[in-house]
Amino acid sequence: MKLTAEQYDAYIRDGFLVFPELFDEAEVNILRNEADRLRQIDAEGIFREGNDGMAKTMFRMHEPDGPTYS
């Protein structure tokens, strides 16, 4: 993807870009389902915070033998 001049300027100004139509509804649902699955894993390398135990940091997600691999 090549950024337009306006997108580049917005990134320099704001530090982020928004692409409202980047993912369709089916893709967003896949991402949400995977996030829900990851939240339920209790393993070393997953650090939680708060009363609800929300996962704050997950290490080793990229490793094929890591605790979050699917």
N, C-alpha and C. Protein backbone atom coordinates (compact mmCIF):
# COMPACT_ATOMS: atom_id res chain seq x y z
N MET A 1 0.85 -1.17 0.00
CA MET A 1 0.00 0.00 0.00
C MET A 1 0.90 1.24 0.00
N LYS A 2 0.63 2.13 -0.89
CA LYS A 2 1.38 3.37 -0.95
C LYS A 2 0.51 4.48 -0.37
N LEU A 3 1.08 5.26 0.54
CA LEU A 3 0.34 6.34 1.18
C LEU A 3 0.25 7.55 0.26
N THR A 4 -0.88 8.23 0.35
CA THR A 4 -1.01 9.50 -0.35
C THR A 4 -0.25 10.56 0.44
N ALA A 5 -0.05 11.71 -0.16
CA ALA A 5 0.62 12.81 0.53
C ALA A 5 -0.18 13.22 1.77
N GLU A 6 -1.51 13.22 1.66
CA GLU A 6 -2.35 13.59 2.81
C GLU A 6 -2.22 12.57 3.94
N GLN A 7 -2.18 11.29 3.59
CA GLN A 7 -2.02 10.25 4.61
C GLN A 7 -0.66 10.37 5.30
N TYR A 8 0.36 10.61 4.51
CA TYR A 8 1.70 10.77 5.08
C TYR A 8 1.73 11.96 6.03
N ASP A 9 1.19 13.07 5.60
CA ASP A 9 1.15 14.27 6.46
C ASP A 9 0.36 14.01 7.74
N ALA A 10 -0.76 13.30 7.62
CA ALA A 10 -1.57 12.98 8.80
C ALA A 10 -0.79 12.09 9.75
N TYR A 11 -0.04 11.14 9.22
CA TYR A 11 0.77 10.27 10.07
C TYR A 11 1.85 11.07 10.80
N ILE A 12 2.52 11.94 10.09
CA ILE A 12 3.56 12.78 10.71
C ILE A 12 2.94 13.67 11.79
N ARG A 13 1.79 14.22 11.52
CA ARG A 13 1.11 15.11 12.46
C ARG A 13 0.53 14.36 13.66
N ASP A 14 -0.17 13.23 13.40
CA ASP A 14 -0.94 12.54 14.44
C ASP A 14 -0.24 11.32 15.03
N GLY A 15 0.67 10.73 14.27
CA GLY A 15 1.37 9.53 14.75
C GLY A 15 0.64 8.24 14.45
N PHE A 16 -0.47 8.30 13.74
CA PHE A 16 -1.22 7.09 13.38
C PHE A 16 -2.09 7.39 12.15
N LEU A 17 -2.56 6.34 11.52
CA LEU A 17 -3.50 6.45 10.41
C LEU A 17 -4.71 5.59 10.69
N VAL A 18 -5.85 5.98 10.17
CA VAL A 18 -7.08 5.20 10.30
C VAL A 18 -7.52 4.77 8.90
N PHE A 19 -7.77 3.47 8.76
CA PHE A 19 -8.28 2.92 7.51
C PHE A 19 -9.61 2.23 7.81
N PRO A 20 -10.73 2.97 7.78
CA PRO A 20 -12.02 2.43 8.21
C PRO A 20 -12.46 1.17 7.47
N GLU A 21 -12.11 1.00 6.24
CA GLU A 21 -12.57 -0.15 5.46
C GLU A 21 -11.45 -1.16 5.22
N LEU A 22 -10.42 -1.16 6.05
CA LEU A 22 -9.28 -2.05 5.84
C LEU A 22 -9.70 -3.52 5.94
N PHE A 23 -10.53 -3.85 6.95
CA PHE A 23 -11.00 -5.23 7.14
C PHE A 23 -12.52 -5.26 6.96
N ASP A 24 -13.01 -6.33 6.32
CA ASP A 24 -14.46 -6.47 6.23
C ASP A 24 -14.99 -7.11 7.51
N GLU A 25 -16.31 -7.22 7.63
CA GLU A 25 -16.93 -7.70 8.86
C GLU A 25 -16.48 -9.12 9.22
N ALA A 26 -16.35 -9.99 8.23
CA ALA A 26 -15.91 -11.36 8.48
C ALA A 26 -14.49 -11.39 9.04
N GLU A 27 -13.62 -10.56 8.50
CA GLU A 27 -12.24 -10.50 8.99
C GLU A 27 -12.18 -9.95 10.42
N VAL A 28 -12.99 -8.94 10.70
CA VAL A 28 -13.04 -8.38 12.06
C VAL A 28 -13.53 -9.44 13.04
N ASN A 29 -14.52 -10.24 12.65
CA ASN A 29 -15.02 -11.30 13.52
C ASN A 29 -13.95 -12.35 13.79
N ILE A 30 -13.15 -12.68 12.80
CA ILE A 30 -12.04 -13.62 13.01
C ILE A 30 -11.06 -13.06 14.03
N LEU A 31 -10.72 -11.78 13.90
CA LEU A 31 -9.79 -11.15 14.84
C LEU A 31 -10.38 -11.11 16.25
N ARG A 32 -11.66 -10.80 16.37
CA ARG A 32 -12.31 -10.76 17.69
C ARG A 32 -12.34 -12.14 18.33
N ASN A 33 -12.67 -13.16 17.55
CA ASN A 33 -12.70 -14.52 18.08
C ASN A 33 -11.33 -14.97 18.55
N GLU A 34 -10.31 -14.63 17.80
CA GLU A 34 -8.95 -15.00 18.20
C GLU A 34 -8.54 -14.24 19.46
N ALA A 35 -8.90 -12.98 19.56
CA ALA A 35 -8.59 -12.21 20.77
C ALA A 35 -9.29 -12.82 21.98
N ASP A 36 -10.54 -13.25 21.82
CA ASP A 36 -11.26 -13.91 22.91
C ASP A 36 -10.56 -15.21 23.31
N ARG A 37 -10.12 -15.99 22.33
CA ARG A 37 -9.41 -17.24 22.62
C ARG A 37 -8.14 -16.97 23.40
N LEU A 38 -7.38 -15.98 22.96
CA LEU A 38 -6.11 -15.66 23.62
C LEU A 38 -6.33 -15.19 25.04
N ARG A 39 -7.41 -14.43 25.28
CA ARG A 39 -7.69 -13.93 26.64
C ARG A 39 -7.93 -15.05 27.63
N GLN A 40 -8.40 -16.20 27.16
CA GLN A 40 -8.75 -17.30 28.05
C GLN A 40 -7.58 -18.20 28.38
N ILE A 41 -6.47 -18.05 27.72
CA ILE A 41 -5.30 -18.90 27.96
C ILE A 41 -4.62 -18.47 29.25
N ASP A 42 -4.32 -19.44 30.09
CA ASP A 42 -3.59 -19.19 31.33
C ASP A 42 -2.26 -19.91 31.21
N ALA A 43 -1.22 -19.18 30.91
CA ALA A 43 0.09 -19.79 30.69
C ALA A 43 1.19 -18.82 31.07
N GLU A 44 2.37 -19.38 31.27
CA GLU A 44 3.54 -18.56 31.53
C GLU A 44 3.75 -17.64 30.33
N GLY A 45 4.09 -16.41 30.59
CA GLY A 45 4.31 -15.46 29.51
C GLY A 45 3.10 -14.60 29.20
N ILE A 46 1.98 -14.85 29.90
CA ILE A 46 0.80 -14.02 29.75
C ILE A 46 0.59 -13.30 31.07
N PHE A 47 0.71 -11.99 31.05
CA PHE A 47 0.63 -11.18 32.26
C PHE A 47 -0.69 -10.42 32.27
N ARG A 48 -1.37 -10.46 33.41
CA ARG A 48 -2.70 -9.87 33.54
C ARG A 48 -2.67 -8.72 34.54
N GLU A 49 -3.70 -7.90 34.48
CA GLU A 49 -3.81 -6.77 35.41
C GLU A 49 -5.27 -6.52 35.75
N GLY A 50 -5.49 -5.81 36.82
CA GLY A 50 -6.83 -5.40 37.21
C GLY A 50 -7.64 -6.52 37.82
N ASN A 51 -8.81 -6.15 38.32
CA ASN A 51 -9.71 -7.11 38.96
C ASN A 51 -10.28 -8.13 37.98
N ASP A 52 -10.39 -7.74 36.72
CA ASP A 52 -10.96 -8.66 35.75
C ASP A 52 -9.93 -9.59 35.12
N GLY A 53 -8.65 -9.40 35.47
CA GLY A 53 -7.59 -10.27 34.95
C GLY A 53 -7.35 -10.13 33.47
N MET A 54 -7.63 -8.95 32.93
CA MET A 54 -7.43 -8.71 31.50
C MET A 54 -5.96 -8.89 31.15
N ALA A 55 -5.70 -9.63 30.08
CA ALA A 55 -4.33 -9.83 29.64
C ALA A 55 -3.73 -8.49 29.23
N LYS A 56 -2.56 -8.20 29.78
CA LYS A 56 -1.87 -6.94 29.47
C LYS A 56 -0.78 -7.18 28.45
N THR A 57 -0.01 -8.25 28.66
CA THR A 57 1.12 -8.55 27.79
C THR A 57 1.15 -10.05 27.52
N MET A 58 1.43 -10.43 26.27
CA MET A 58 1.57 -11.84 25.91
C MET A 58 2.88 -12.02 25.18
N PHE A 59 3.75 -12.83 25.76
CA PHE A 59 5.03 -13.13 25.13
C PHE A 59 4.95 -14.47 24.39
N ARG A 60 5.84 -14.67 23.45
CA ARG A 60 6.00 -15.92 22.70
C ARG A 60 4.81 -16.22 21.78
N MET A 61 4.04 -15.23 21.41
CA MET A 61 2.89 -15.47 20.54
C MET A 61 3.30 -15.95 19.15
N HIS A 62 4.48 -15.59 18.72
CA HIS A 62 4.94 -15.92 17.38
C HIS A 62 5.57 -17.30 17.28
N GLU A 63 5.83 -17.95 18.42
CA GLU A 63 6.53 -19.23 18.42
C GLU A 63 5.57 -20.39 18.20
N PRO A 64 5.90 -21.32 17.31
CA PRO A 64 5.00 -22.44 17.04
C PRO A 64 4.77 -23.36 18.23
N ASP A 65 5.67 -23.32 19.22
CA ASP A 65 5.46 -24.13 20.42
C ASP A 65 5.06 -23.27 21.61
N GLY A 66 4.72 -22.01 21.36
CA GLY A 66 4.32 -21.09 22.42
C GLY A 66 2.91 -21.39 22.91
N PRO A 67 2.54 -20.86 24.08
CA PRO A 67 1.24 -21.18 24.69
C PRO A 67 0.03 -20.64 23.94
N THR A 68 0.22 -19.67 23.08
CA THR A 68 -0.92 -19.08 22.37
C THR A 68 -1.07 -19.60 20.95
N TYR A 69 -0.17 -20.46 20.52
CA TYR A 69 -0.21 -20.95 19.14
C TYR A 69 -1.51 -21.70 18.87
N SER A 70 -2.08 -21.49 17.71
CA SER A 70 -3.33 -22.21 17.39
C SER A 70 -3.15 -23.07 16.16
